[in-house]
Amino acid sequence: MTTAAVLTAAGSGSRLGRDTPKGLVTVGGTPLVRWAASSLAAVCERIVVTAPVDAVGAFVDAVAGVGARVEVVAGGERRQASVARGIDALADLDGDDAVLVHDAARPFMPVAVFGRLLSALETHDAVIPVLAVVDTIVTGVGGDLRYLPRPSLGAVQTPQAFLMGALRDAHARAQAERFEATDDGALAQRYGFRLGTVEGDPRGAKITYAEDLDAAERRISG
């Protein structure tokens, strides 16, 4: 069985206050996309990186020599379209091969989580890492305010693991009905695939704002 990855990195750095694509923003002098790709290379034979269409060459340079067979393709305008292009680039994979779908914005997820995901994939079609929610969560802010039961809540992270056949089918069906989700696990659940969970890790926090970048710099320097 082949283990591959789709690493989405086509986002802009606008919320970071940068004029460069987010995947090329550096922590400790290394681009976020390289941090993430290097971790994936520990378990994946192949990695497809989706990059902004006008920065493919820069991303090729950024991930050169990470230790796996890496291909960089132009991503779409939205994340789901970028993942679909990554799937297309892995068209030769069999349906029972394993695929990790990850985001360059989560560059420091420990490799141990990858192992948990792939192990759980032996009995599921899709597996997502989840962190328990520590804050009290409400809905209906500004209107009908409701408190949600915290023990039943979890924060979903990436990478997420899939059998390639399930991932392909879920994306094809979503495209056919023009349905869009915020992550691929939601697509797997919508179309009836066996969705499992494993424990996530706080170190896999998403880098979205400048303060997240500052925190990441402190983490690797400390």
N, C-alpha and C. Protein backbone atom coordinates (compact mmCIF):
# COMPACT_ATOMS: atom_id res chain seq x y z
N MET A 1 0.85 -1.19 0.00
CA MET A 1 0.00 0.00 0.00
C MET A 1 0.88 1.24 0.00
N THR A 2 0.58 2.15 -0.89
CA THR A 2 1.29 3.43 -0.95
C THR A 2 0.67 4.40 0.04
N THR A 3 1.51 5.20 0.68
CA THR A 3 1.02 6.30 1.52
C THR A 3 1.48 7.60 0.89
N ALA A 4 0.50 8.44 0.55
CA ALA A 4 0.79 9.72 -0.10
C ALA A 4 0.13 10.85 0.69
N ALA A 5 0.40 12.07 0.26
CA ALA A 5 -0.19 13.23 0.94
C ALA A 5 -0.54 14.31 -0.05
N VAL A 6 -1.62 15.02 0.25
CA VAL A 6 -1.95 16.27 -0.43
C VAL A 6 -1.74 17.37 0.61
N LEU A 7 -0.83 18.28 0.33
CA LEU A 7 -0.49 19.36 1.25
C LEU A 7 -0.96 20.68 0.66
N THR A 8 -2.01 21.24 1.24
CA THR A 8 -2.57 22.47 0.69
C THR A 8 -1.77 23.68 1.17
N ALA A 9 -1.35 24.50 0.20
CA ALA A 9 -0.54 25.67 0.53
C ALA A 9 -0.83 26.81 -0.44
N ALA A 10 -2.07 26.84 -0.96
CA ALA A 10 -2.41 27.85 -1.96
C ALA A 10 -2.96 29.13 -1.35
N GLY A 11 -3.03 29.19 -0.02
CA GLY A 11 -3.61 30.36 0.62
C GLY A 11 -2.67 31.57 0.61
N SER A 12 -3.28 32.74 0.76
CA SER A 12 -2.50 33.98 0.83
C SER A 12 -2.03 34.20 2.26
N GLY A 13 -1.14 35.14 2.42
CA GLY A 13 -0.68 35.49 3.76
C GLY A 13 -1.32 36.76 4.28
N SER A 14 -2.48 37.11 3.76
CA SER A 14 -3.07 38.42 4.08
C SER A 14 -3.42 38.53 5.56
N ARG A 15 -3.98 37.47 6.17
CA ARG A 15 -4.35 37.56 7.58
C ARG A 15 -3.12 37.55 8.49
N LEU A 16 -1.99 37.12 7.93
CA LEU A 16 -0.73 37.22 8.68
C LEU A 16 -0.10 38.60 8.56
N GLY A 17 -0.70 39.43 7.70
CA GLY A 17 -0.13 40.74 7.45
C GLY A 17 1.07 40.68 6.54
N ARG A 18 1.15 39.65 5.70
CA ARG A 18 2.27 39.48 4.78
C ARG A 18 1.77 39.59 3.34
N ASP A 19 2.67 40.00 2.45
CA ASP A 19 2.32 40.09 1.04
C ASP A 19 2.88 38.91 0.25
N THR A 20 3.24 37.84 0.95
CA THR A 20 3.74 36.63 0.32
C THR A 20 2.79 35.49 0.64
N PRO A 21 2.69 34.45 -0.20
CA PRO A 21 1.82 33.33 0.12
C PRO A 21 2.15 32.75 1.49
N LYS A 22 1.11 32.32 2.22
CA LYS A 22 1.32 31.86 3.60
C LYS A 22 2.35 30.72 3.67
N GLY A 23 2.30 29.80 2.71
CA GLY A 23 3.21 28.67 2.75
C GLY A 23 4.67 29.03 2.66
N LEU A 24 4.96 30.22 2.14
CA LEU A 24 6.34 30.68 2.01
C LEU A 24 6.79 31.55 3.17
N VAL A 25 5.86 31.89 4.06
CA VAL A 25 6.23 32.64 5.26
C VAL A 25 7.12 31.73 6.12
N THR A 26 8.15 32.29 6.70
CA THR A 26 9.13 31.47 7.41
C THR A 26 8.95 31.50 8.93
N VAL A 27 9.31 30.39 9.55
CA VAL A 27 9.47 30.28 11.00
C VAL A 27 10.87 29.72 11.21
N GLY A 28 11.69 30.43 11.96
CA GLY A 28 13.06 29.99 12.15
C GLY A 28 13.84 29.92 10.85
N GLY A 29 13.45 30.77 9.88
CA GLY A 29 14.15 30.82 8.61
C GLY A 29 13.71 29.77 7.61
N THR A 30 12.75 28.92 7.96
CA THR A 30 12.27 27.85 7.08
C THR A 30 10.81 28.08 6.72
N PRO A 31 10.44 27.98 5.43
CA PRO A 31 9.05 28.20 5.03
C PRO A 31 8.10 27.20 5.69
N LEU A 32 6.89 27.67 5.99
CA LEU A 32 5.89 26.79 6.60
C LEU A 32 5.67 25.54 5.77
N VAL A 33 5.63 25.67 4.45
CA VAL A 33 5.37 24.51 3.60
C VAL A 33 6.48 23.48 3.73
N ARG A 34 7.70 23.93 3.93
CA ARG A 34 8.80 22.97 4.08
C ARG A 34 8.73 22.25 5.43
N TRP A 35 8.40 22.98 6.50
CA TRP A 35 8.20 22.33 7.79
C TRP A 35 7.18 21.19 7.65
N ALA A 36 6.04 21.50 7.04
CA ALA A 36 4.96 20.51 6.93
C ALA A 36 5.36 19.35 6.02
N ALA A 37 5.97 19.66 4.88
CA ALA A 37 6.36 18.60 3.94
C ALA A 37 7.42 17.69 4.53
N SER A 38 8.34 18.26 5.28
CA SER A 38 9.39 17.45 5.91
C SER A 38 8.80 16.45 6.90
N SER A 39 7.78 16.88 7.65
CA SER A 39 7.13 15.96 8.58
C SER A 39 6.38 14.86 7.83
N LEU A 40 5.68 15.23 6.78
CA LEU A 40 4.94 14.23 5.99
C LEU A 40 5.88 13.21 5.36
N ALA A 41 7.08 13.66 4.99
CA ALA A 41 8.03 12.76 4.34
C ALA A 41 8.46 11.62 5.25
N ALA A 42 8.22 11.75 6.56
CA ALA A 42 8.56 10.67 7.49
C ALA A 42 7.67 9.45 7.29
N VAL A 43 6.46 9.65 6.72
CA VAL A 43 5.54 8.52 6.56
C VAL A 43 5.03 8.36 5.13
N CYS A 44 5.29 9.33 4.27
CA CYS A 44 4.74 9.32 2.91
C CYS A 44 5.82 9.14 1.85
N GLU A 45 5.52 8.31 0.85
CA GLU A 45 6.42 8.16 -0.28
C GLU A 45 6.25 9.29 -1.29
N ARG A 46 5.04 9.84 -1.36
CA ARG A 46 4.74 10.90 -2.33
C ARG A 46 3.98 12.02 -1.65
N ILE A 47 4.27 13.25 -2.07
CA ILE A 47 3.57 14.42 -1.55
C ILE A 47 3.22 15.32 -2.73
N VAL A 48 1.98 15.74 -2.80
CA VAL A 48 1.55 16.73 -3.78
C VAL A 48 1.24 18.01 -3.02
N VAL A 49 1.95 19.08 -3.37
CA VAL A 49 1.74 20.39 -2.75
C VAL A 49 0.91 21.23 -3.70
N THR A 50 -0.16 21.85 -3.19
CA THR A 50 -0.94 22.77 -4.01
C THR A 50 -0.53 24.18 -3.66
N ALA A 51 -0.12 24.95 -4.66
CA ALA A 51 0.45 26.28 -4.45
C ALA A 51 -0.32 27.32 -5.24
N PRO A 52 -0.18 28.59 -4.89
CA PRO A 52 -0.78 29.65 -5.72
C PRO A 52 -0.26 29.54 -7.15
N VAL A 53 -1.13 29.79 -8.12
CA VAL A 53 -0.77 29.56 -9.52
C VAL A 53 0.43 30.38 -9.94
N ASP A 54 0.63 31.55 -9.35
CA ASP A 54 1.75 32.41 -9.76
C ASP A 54 3.00 32.21 -8.90
N ALA A 55 2.99 31.16 -8.05
CA ALA A 55 4.14 30.95 -7.17
C ALA A 55 4.59 29.49 -7.17
N VAL A 56 4.19 28.73 -8.19
CA VAL A 56 4.54 27.30 -8.23
C VAL A 56 6.05 27.11 -8.18
N GLY A 57 6.79 27.89 -8.94
CA GLY A 57 8.24 27.75 -8.97
C GLY A 57 8.88 27.99 -7.62
N ALA A 58 8.39 29.00 -6.90
CA ALA A 58 8.92 29.30 -5.58
C ALA A 58 8.66 28.17 -4.61
N PHE A 59 7.51 27.52 -4.75
CA PHE A 59 7.19 26.39 -3.87
C PHE A 59 8.03 25.16 -4.23
N VAL A 60 8.31 24.97 -5.51
CA VAL A 60 9.20 23.88 -5.91
C VAL A 60 10.55 24.04 -5.20
N ASP A 61 11.06 25.25 -5.19
CA ASP A 61 12.33 25.51 -4.51
C ASP A 61 12.21 25.30 -3.00
N ALA A 62 11.08 25.68 -2.44
CA ALA A 62 10.91 25.63 -0.99
C ALA A 62 10.88 24.20 -0.45
N VAL A 63 10.41 23.24 -1.26
CA VAL A 63 10.28 21.87 -0.76
C VAL A 63 11.32 20.93 -1.37
N ALA A 64 12.27 21.46 -2.10
CA ALA A 64 13.29 20.62 -2.73
C ALA A 64 14.07 19.84 -1.69
N GLY A 65 14.22 18.53 -1.94
CA GLY A 65 15.05 17.70 -1.09
C GLY A 65 14.49 17.36 0.27
N VAL A 66 13.17 17.35 0.44
CA VAL A 66 12.60 17.07 1.77
C VAL A 66 12.63 15.57 2.11
N GLY A 67 12.96 14.71 1.15
CA GLY A 67 13.08 13.29 1.47
C GLY A 67 11.96 12.43 0.95
N ALA A 68 11.10 12.96 0.12
CA ALA A 68 10.03 12.19 -0.51
C ALA A 68 9.88 12.69 -1.94
N ARG A 69 9.16 11.93 -2.75
CA ARG A 69 8.86 12.38 -4.10
C ARG A 69 7.79 13.46 -4.01
N VAL A 70 8.16 14.68 -4.37
CA VAL A 70 7.26 15.82 -4.20
C VAL A 70 6.93 16.43 -5.56
N GLU A 71 5.65 16.71 -5.74
CA GLU A 71 5.16 17.41 -6.93
C GLU A 71 4.40 18.64 -6.48
N VAL A 72 4.61 19.75 -7.16
CA VAL A 72 3.88 20.98 -6.83
C VAL A 72 2.94 21.30 -7.99
N VAL A 73 1.66 21.49 -7.67
CA VAL A 73 0.66 21.83 -8.69
C VAL A 73 -0.05 23.11 -8.28
N ALA A 74 -0.64 23.77 -9.25
CA ALA A 74 -1.42 24.98 -8.96
C ALA A 74 -2.70 24.60 -8.24
N GLY A 75 -2.98 25.30 -7.15
CA GLY A 75 -4.19 25.04 -6.40
C GLY A 75 -5.38 25.81 -6.96
N GLY A 76 -6.53 25.63 -6.34
CA GLY A 76 -7.74 26.32 -6.75
C GLY A 76 -7.97 27.57 -5.92
N GLU A 77 -9.10 28.22 -6.20
CA GLU A 77 -9.41 29.44 -5.47
C GLU A 77 -9.80 29.16 -4.02
N ARG A 78 -10.35 27.96 -3.76
CA ARG A 78 -10.74 27.59 -2.42
C ARG A 78 -10.08 26.26 -2.05
N ARG A 79 -10.05 25.97 -0.76
CA ARG A 79 -9.31 24.80 -0.28
C ARG A 79 -9.80 23.50 -0.92
N GLN A 80 -11.12 23.33 -1.00
CA GLN A 80 -11.66 22.07 -1.52
C GLN A 80 -11.23 21.85 -2.97
N ALA A 81 -11.20 22.91 -3.75
CA ALA A 81 -10.74 22.80 -5.13
C ALA A 81 -9.26 22.45 -5.19
N SER A 82 -8.48 22.97 -4.25
CA SER A 82 -7.06 22.64 -4.21
C SER A 82 -6.85 21.16 -3.88
N VAL A 83 -7.60 20.64 -2.91
CA VAL A 83 -7.49 19.22 -2.58
C VAL A 83 -7.86 18.37 -3.79
N ALA A 84 -8.91 18.77 -4.51
CA ALA A 84 -9.32 18.02 -5.70
C ALA A 84 -8.20 17.97 -6.74
N ARG A 85 -7.46 19.06 -6.89
CA ARG A 85 -6.34 19.06 -7.84
C ARG A 85 -5.21 18.16 -7.35
N GLY A 86 -5.03 18.10 -6.04
CA GLY A 86 -4.05 17.18 -5.50
C GLY A 86 -4.45 15.73 -5.75
N ILE A 87 -5.72 15.44 -5.60
CA ILE A 87 -6.22 14.09 -5.89
C ILE A 87 -5.98 13.74 -7.35
N ASP A 88 -6.24 14.67 -8.24
CA ASP A 88 -6.00 14.43 -9.68
C ASP A 88 -4.54 14.09 -9.95
N ALA A 89 -3.64 14.74 -9.22
CA ALA A 89 -2.20 14.49 -9.42
C ALA A 89 -1.79 13.11 -8.92
N LEU A 90 -2.65 12.49 -8.13
CA LEU A 90 -2.38 11.14 -7.61
C LEU A 90 -3.31 10.12 -8.27
N ALA A 91 -3.63 10.37 -9.53
CA ALA A 91 -4.60 9.54 -10.24
C ALA A 91 -4.17 8.08 -10.38
N ASP A 92 -2.89 7.81 -10.30
CA ASP A 92 -2.40 6.44 -10.46
C ASP A 92 -2.50 5.62 -9.17
N LEU A 93 -2.85 6.23 -8.06
CA LEU A 93 -2.97 5.48 -6.81
C LEU A 93 -4.20 4.58 -6.82
N ASP A 94 -4.12 3.44 -6.16
CA ASP A 94 -5.24 2.53 -6.04
C ASP A 94 -6.22 3.04 -4.99
N GLY A 95 -7.42 2.52 -5.03
CA GLY A 95 -8.45 2.96 -4.11
C GLY A 95 -8.17 2.65 -2.66
N ASP A 96 -7.36 1.61 -2.40
CA ASP A 96 -7.05 1.26 -1.01
C ASP A 96 -5.71 1.81 -0.54
N ASP A 97 -5.09 2.67 -1.33
CA ASP A 97 -3.90 3.38 -0.87
C ASP A 97 -4.31 4.46 0.14
N ALA A 98 -3.37 4.85 0.99
CA ALA A 98 -3.65 5.82 2.04
C ALA A 98 -3.20 7.22 1.61
N VAL A 99 -4.03 8.21 1.92
CA VAL A 99 -3.71 9.61 1.61
C VAL A 99 -3.94 10.47 2.84
N LEU A 100 -2.93 11.24 3.19
CA LEU A 100 -3.08 12.25 4.24
C LEU A 100 -3.34 13.60 3.59
N VAL A 101 -4.39 14.27 4.01
CA VAL A 101 -4.68 15.62 3.52
C VAL A 101 -4.32 16.59 4.64
N HIS A 102 -3.35 17.44 4.36
CA HIS A 102 -2.78 18.30 5.40
C HIS A 102 -2.75 19.74 4.92
N ASP A 103 -2.55 20.65 5.87
CA ASP A 103 -2.46 22.08 5.56
C ASP A 103 -1.10 22.60 5.98
N ALA A 104 -0.46 23.35 5.09
CA ALA A 104 0.83 23.96 5.43
C ALA A 104 0.69 24.91 6.60
N ALA A 105 -0.52 25.40 6.86
CA ALA A 105 -0.76 26.30 7.99
C ALA A 105 -0.69 25.59 9.33
N ARG A 106 -0.55 24.25 9.32
CA ARG A 106 -0.35 23.48 10.56
C ARG A 106 1.00 22.75 10.45
N PRO A 107 2.10 23.47 10.44
CA PRO A 107 3.38 22.88 10.08
C PRO A 107 4.03 22.02 11.16
N PHE A 108 3.55 22.11 12.40
CA PHE A 108 4.26 21.45 13.49
C PHE A 108 3.48 20.30 14.13
N MET A 109 2.54 19.73 13.40
CA MET A 109 1.84 18.56 13.93
C MET A 109 2.84 17.41 14.09
N PRO A 110 2.93 16.82 15.28
CA PRO A 110 3.89 15.74 15.50
C PRO A 110 3.63 14.52 14.62
N VAL A 111 4.70 13.88 14.19
CA VAL A 111 4.59 12.71 13.32
C VAL A 111 3.83 11.58 14.02
N ALA A 112 3.87 11.54 15.35
CA ALA A 112 3.14 10.51 16.08
C ALA A 112 1.65 10.53 15.76
N VAL A 113 1.09 11.70 15.50
CA VAL A 113 -0.32 11.80 15.13
C VAL A 113 -0.55 11.15 13.76
N PHE A 114 0.41 11.32 12.85
CA PHE A 114 0.29 10.67 11.54
C PHE A 114 0.17 9.16 11.72
N GLY A 115 0.98 8.61 12.61
CA GLY A 115 0.94 7.18 12.86
C GLY A 115 -0.40 6.73 13.40
N ARG A 116 -0.97 7.50 14.32
CA ARG A 116 -2.29 7.16 14.86
C ARG A 116 -3.35 7.17 13.77
N LEU A 117 -3.27 8.15 12.89
CA LEU A 117 -4.24 8.25 11.80
C LEU A 117 -4.15 7.03 10.87
N LEU A 118 -2.94 6.68 10.48
CA LEU A 118 -2.77 5.58 9.53
C LEU A 118 -3.15 4.25 10.16
N SER A 119 -2.89 4.08 11.45
CA SER A 119 -3.30 2.84 12.12
C SER A 119 -4.82 2.72 12.16
N ALA A 120 -5.49 3.82 12.47
CA ALA A 120 -6.95 3.81 12.53
C ALA A 120 -7.58 3.61 11.16
N LEU A 121 -6.85 3.96 10.11
CA LEU A 121 -7.37 3.80 8.76
C LEU A 121 -7.53 2.32 8.39
N GLU A 122 -6.94 1.43 9.15
CA GLU A 122 -7.09 0.00 8.89
C GLU A 122 -8.52 -0.46 9.09
N THR A 123 -9.30 0.27 9.88
CA THR A 123 -10.69 -0.12 10.16
C THR A 123 -11.70 0.97 9.78
N HIS A 124 -11.23 2.01 9.11
CA HIS A 124 -12.12 3.11 8.70
C HIS A 124 -11.78 3.53 7.27
N ASP A 125 -12.70 4.28 6.67
CA ASP A 125 -12.45 4.87 5.35
C ASP A 125 -11.78 6.23 5.46
N ALA A 126 -11.99 6.88 6.60
CA ALA A 126 -11.45 8.22 6.84
C ALA A 126 -11.26 8.38 8.34
N VAL A 127 -10.22 9.14 8.72
CA VAL A 127 -9.91 9.35 10.13
C VAL A 127 -9.48 10.80 10.32
N ILE A 128 -10.00 11.45 11.37
CA ILE A 128 -9.64 12.83 11.65
C ILE A 128 -9.06 12.95 13.06
N PRO A 129 -8.07 13.85 13.26
CA PRO A 129 -7.56 14.10 14.61
C PRO A 129 -8.42 15.16 15.29
N VAL A 130 -8.74 14.92 16.54
CA VAL A 130 -9.63 15.83 17.27
C VAL A 130 -9.03 16.17 18.63
N LEU A 131 -9.13 17.44 18.99
CA LEU A 131 -8.71 17.91 20.30
C LEU A 131 -9.95 18.27 21.12
N ALA A 132 -9.95 17.90 22.40
CA ALA A 132 -11.04 18.29 23.28
C ALA A 132 -11.09 19.81 23.40
N VAL A 133 -12.29 20.35 23.45
CA VAL A 133 -12.48 21.80 23.58
C VAL A 133 -12.39 22.17 25.05
N VAL A 134 -11.57 23.17 25.36
CA VAL A 134 -11.41 23.58 26.76
C VAL A 134 -12.22 24.83 27.11
N ASP A 135 -12.63 25.57 26.10
CA ASP A 135 -13.44 26.76 26.34
C ASP A 135 -14.92 26.41 26.34
N THR A 136 -15.71 27.22 27.02
CA THR A 136 -17.16 27.11 26.92
C THR A 136 -17.59 27.72 25.59
N ILE A 137 -18.44 27.01 24.86
CA ILE A 137 -18.83 27.44 23.52
C ILE A 137 -20.32 27.79 23.49
N VAL A 138 -20.65 28.90 22.84
CA VAL A 138 -22.05 29.29 22.67
C VAL A 138 -22.33 29.51 21.19
N THR A 139 -23.58 29.40 20.82
CA THR A 139 -24.04 29.76 19.48
C THR A 139 -25.09 30.84 19.60
N GLY A 140 -25.38 31.48 18.45
CA GLY A 140 -26.43 32.49 18.43
C GLY A 140 -26.03 33.81 19.05
N VAL A 141 -24.72 34.13 19.00
CA VAL A 141 -24.26 35.40 19.56
C VAL A 141 -24.98 36.56 18.87
N GLY A 142 -25.56 37.42 19.67
CA GLY A 142 -26.31 38.55 19.12
C GLY A 142 -27.78 38.24 18.93
N GLY A 143 -28.17 36.99 19.25
CA GLY A 143 -29.56 36.60 19.07
C GLY A 143 -29.97 35.59 20.12
N ASP A 144 -30.36 34.42 19.65
CA ASP A 144 -30.80 33.35 20.55
C ASP A 144 -29.58 32.61 21.08
N LEU A 145 -29.05 33.09 22.19
CA LEU A 145 -27.81 32.56 22.74
C LEU A 145 -28.03 31.19 23.37
N ARG A 146 -27.19 30.21 22.96
CA ARG A 146 -27.31 28.86 23.51
C ARG A 146 -25.92 28.34 23.86
N TYR A 147 -25.84 27.71 25.03
CA TYR A 147 -24.61 27.06 25.45
C TYR A 147 -24.57 25.64 24.92
N LEU A 148 -23.41 25.21 24.42
CA LEU A 148 -23.25 23.86 23.91
C LEU A 148 -22.56 22.98 24.95
N PRO A 149 -22.94 21.72 25.03
CA PRO A 149 -22.33 20.83 26.03
C PRO A 149 -20.87 20.53 25.69
N ARG A 150 -19.96 21.07 26.48
CA ARG A 150 -18.54 20.98 26.17
C ARG A 150 -18.01 19.55 26.03
N PRO A 151 -18.45 18.58 26.86
CA PRO A 151 -17.91 17.22 26.72
C PRO A 151 -18.14 16.59 25.35
N SER A 152 -19.14 17.09 24.62
CA SER A 152 -19.43 16.51 23.31
C SER A 152 -18.75 17.25 22.17
N LEU A 153 -17.98 18.30 22.48
CA LEU A 153 -17.36 19.12 21.44
C LEU A 153 -15.89 18.75 21.24
N GLY A 154 -15.41 18.95 20.02
CA GLY A 154 -14.01 18.73 19.72
C GLY A 154 -13.57 19.64 18.59
N ALA A 155 -12.29 19.99 18.58
CA ALA A 155 -11.72 20.81 17.51
C ALA A 155 -10.99 19.89 16.53
N VAL A 156 -11.36 19.97 15.27
CA VAL A 156 -10.80 19.09 14.24
C VAL A 156 -9.53 19.71 13.67
N GLN A 157 -8.51 18.87 13.49
CA GLN A 157 -7.23 19.33 12.94
C GLN A 157 -6.92 18.60 11.63
N THR A 158 -5.77 18.89 11.07
CA THR A 158 -5.21 18.11 9.97
C THR A 158 -3.78 17.74 10.37
N PRO A 159 -3.21 16.68 9.75
CA PRO A 159 -3.73 15.98 8.58
C PRO A 159 -4.92 15.07 8.93
N GLN A 160 -5.68 14.75 7.89
CA GLN A 160 -6.74 13.77 7.97
C GLN A 160 -6.39 12.64 7.01
N ALA A 161 -6.72 11.42 7.40
CA ALA A 161 -6.31 10.25 6.61
C ALA A 161 -7.51 9.64 5.90
N PHE A 162 -7.27 9.17 4.67
CA PHE A 162 -8.35 8.60 3.86
C PHE A 162 -7.83 7.43 3.05
N LEU A 163 -8.71 6.47 2.78
CA LEU A 163 -8.47 5.56 1.68
C LEU A 163 -8.72 6.35 0.41
N MET A 164 -7.84 6.22 -0.57
CA MET A 164 -7.95 7.06 -1.76
C MET A 164 -9.30 6.90 -2.44
N GLY A 165 -9.83 5.70 -2.49
CA GLY A 165 -11.13 5.49 -3.13
C GLY A 165 -12.22 6.31 -2.47
N ALA A 166 -12.21 6.36 -1.14
CA ALA A 166 -13.22 7.13 -0.41
C ALA A 166 -13.05 8.62 -0.66
N LEU A 167 -11.79 9.09 -0.65
CA LEU A 167 -11.54 10.52 -0.86
C LEU A 167 -11.95 10.95 -2.26
N ARG A 168 -11.59 10.14 -3.25
CA ARG A 168 -11.98 10.46 -4.64
C ARG A 168 -13.50 10.54 -4.77
N ASP A 169 -14.17 9.52 -4.23
CA ASP A 169 -15.63 9.45 -4.38
C ASP A 169 -16.31 10.61 -3.68
N ALA A 170 -15.86 10.94 -2.48
CA ALA A 170 -16.46 12.04 -1.73
C ALA A 170 -16.30 13.36 -2.48
N HIS A 171 -15.12 13.61 -3.04
CA HIS A 171 -14.91 14.85 -3.78
C HIS A 171 -15.72 14.88 -5.07
N ALA A 172 -15.80 13.75 -5.76
CA ALA A 172 -16.58 13.71 -7.00
C ALA A 172 -18.06 13.99 -6.72
N ARG A 173 -18.58 13.41 -5.65
CA ARG A 173 -19.99 13.62 -5.33
C ARG A 173 -20.24 15.05 -4.87
N ALA A 174 -19.30 15.61 -4.11
CA ALA A 174 -19.45 17.00 -3.68
C ALA A 174 -19.43 17.95 -4.87
N GLN A 175 -18.55 17.67 -5.82
CA GLN A 175 -18.48 18.51 -7.02
C GLN A 175 -19.77 18.41 -7.82
N ALA A 176 -20.32 17.20 -7.92
CA ALA A 176 -21.54 17.00 -8.70
C ALA A 176 -22.72 17.78 -8.12
N GLU A 177 -22.79 17.87 -6.79
CA GLU A 177 -23.91 18.58 -6.19
C GLU A 177 -23.53 19.97 -5.70
N ARG A 178 -22.31 20.41 -6.04
CA ARG A 178 -21.83 21.74 -5.69
C ARG A 178 -21.91 21.99 -4.19
N PHE A 179 -21.50 20.99 -3.44
CA PHE A 179 -21.46 21.10 -1.99
C PHE A 179 -20.03 21.38 -1.56
N GLU A 180 -19.87 22.30 -0.61
CA GLU A 180 -18.53 22.63 -0.13
C GLU A 180 -18.49 22.55 1.39
N ALA A 181 -17.45 21.93 1.91
CA ALA A 181 -17.27 21.80 3.35
C ALA A 181 -15.95 22.45 3.75
N THR A 182 -15.77 22.65 5.04
CA THR A 182 -14.54 23.28 5.51
C THR A 182 -13.40 22.29 5.62
N ASP A 183 -13.69 20.97 5.62
CA ASP A 183 -12.63 19.98 5.61
C ASP A 183 -13.11 18.72 4.93
N ASP A 184 -12.18 17.80 4.68
CA ASP A 184 -12.50 16.61 3.91
C ASP A 184 -13.21 15.54 4.75
N GLY A 185 -12.98 15.56 6.06
CA GLY A 185 -13.70 14.64 6.92
C GLY A 185 -15.20 14.86 6.84
N ALA A 186 -15.61 16.11 6.72
CA ALA A 186 -17.04 16.42 6.60
C ALA A 186 -17.62 15.82 5.32
N LEU A 187 -16.84 15.82 4.25
CA LEU A 187 -17.30 15.21 3.00
C LEU A 187 -17.46 13.70 3.18
N ALA A 188 -16.47 13.07 3.83
CA ALA A 188 -16.54 11.63 4.05
C ALA A 188 -17.78 11.27 4.86
N GLN A 189 -18.06 12.04 5.89
CA GLN A 189 -19.24 11.75 6.70
C GLN A 189 -20.52 11.98 5.90
N ARG A 190 -20.57 13.03 5.12
CA ARG A 190 -21.78 13.35 4.35
C ARG A 190 -22.15 12.21 3.40
N TYR A 191 -21.13 11.57 2.84
CA TYR A 191 -21.41 10.56 1.83
C TYR A 191 -21.32 9.12 2.37
N GLY A 192 -21.41 8.99 3.67
CA GLY A 192 -21.61 7.69 4.27
C GLY A 192 -20.39 6.83 4.48
N PHE A 193 -19.19 7.40 4.43
CA PHE A 193 -17.99 6.60 4.66
C PHE A 193 -17.74 6.44 6.16
N ARG A 194 -17.03 5.39 6.51
CA ARG A 194 -16.74 5.10 7.92
C ARG A 194 -15.70 6.11 8.41
N LEU A 195 -16.15 7.03 9.26
CA LEU A 195 -15.30 8.11 9.75
C LEU A 195 -14.90 7.84 11.20
N GLY A 196 -13.60 7.78 11.46
CA GLY A 196 -13.10 7.57 12.80
C GLY A 196 -12.34 8.78 13.30
N THR A 197 -11.99 8.76 14.58
CA THR A 197 -11.23 9.86 15.18
C THR A 197 -10.03 9.30 15.96
N VAL A 198 -9.00 10.11 16.05
CA VAL A 198 -7.86 9.85 16.95
C VAL A 198 -7.58 11.14 17.69
N GLU A 199 -6.78 11.03 18.74
CA GLU A 199 -6.43 12.21 19.51
C GLU A 199 -5.49 13.11 18.72
N GLY A 200 -5.81 14.39 18.67
CA GLY A 200 -4.94 15.35 18.01
C GLY A 200 -3.83 15.81 18.94
N ASP A 201 -3.25 16.98 18.63
CA ASP A 201 -2.14 17.47 19.44
C ASP A 201 -2.14 19.00 19.38
N PRO A 202 -2.00 19.68 20.52
CA PRO A 202 -1.99 21.15 20.51
C PRO A 202 -0.87 21.74 19.67
N ARG A 203 0.21 20.98 19.47
CA ARG A 203 1.32 21.49 18.67
C ARG A 203 0.94 21.60 17.19
N GLY A 204 -0.18 21.01 16.82
CA GLY A 204 -0.66 21.12 15.45
C GLY A 204 -1.58 22.30 15.23
N ALA A 205 -1.46 23.30 16.08
CA ALA A 205 -2.31 24.50 15.97
C ALA A 205 -2.11 25.19 14.63
N LYS A 206 -3.17 25.77 14.14
CA LYS A 206 -3.14 26.45 12.84
C LYS A 206 -2.53 27.84 12.97
N ILE A 207 -1.66 28.19 12.04
CA ILE A 207 -1.08 29.53 11.99
C ILE A 207 -1.94 30.38 11.06
N THR A 208 -2.66 31.33 11.65
CA THR A 208 -3.57 32.17 10.88
C THR A 208 -3.23 33.65 10.98
N TYR A 209 -2.89 34.07 12.20
CA TYR A 209 -2.65 35.49 12.44
C TYR A 209 -1.20 35.72 12.87
N ALA A 210 -0.79 36.97 12.89
CA ALA A 210 0.60 37.32 13.22
C ALA A 210 0.99 36.79 14.59
N GLU A 211 0.05 36.82 15.54
CA GLU A 211 0.38 36.33 16.88
C GLU A 211 0.64 34.82 16.89
N ASP A 212 -0.02 34.09 15.97
CA ASP A 212 0.25 32.65 15.85
C ASP A 212 1.67 32.42 15.35
N LEU A 213 2.09 33.26 14.43
CA LEU A 213 3.45 33.16 13.90
C LEU A 213 4.47 33.47 14.98
N ASP A 214 4.18 34.48 15.78
CA ASP A 214 5.08 34.82 16.88
C ASP A 214 5.19 33.66 17.87
N ALA A 215 4.05 33.03 18.16
CA ALA A 215 4.06 31.91 19.09
C ALA A 215 4.88 30.75 18.54
N ALA A 216 4.78 30.50 17.23
CA ALA A 216 5.55 29.43 16.60
C ALA A 216 7.05 29.72 16.67
N GLU A 217 7.43 30.97 16.46
CA GLU A 217 8.84 31.36 16.58
C GLU A 217 9.35 31.10 17.99
N ARG A 218 8.56 31.44 18.98
CA ARG A 218 8.99 31.22 20.37
C ARG A 218 9.10 29.71 20.66
N ARG A 219 8.19 28.93 20.08
CA ARG A 219 8.18 27.51 20.35
C ARG A 219 9.45 26.83 19.84
N ILE A 220 9.85 27.16 18.63
CA ILE A 220 11.01 26.47 18.07
C ILE A 220 12.33 27.03 18.62
N SER A 221 12.28 28.24 19.14
CA SER A 221 13.51 28.82 19.68
C SER A 221 13.68 28.50 21.16
N GLY A 222 12.60 28.01 21.78
CA GLY A 222 12.66 27.74 23.20
C GLY A 222 13.10 26.35 23.51
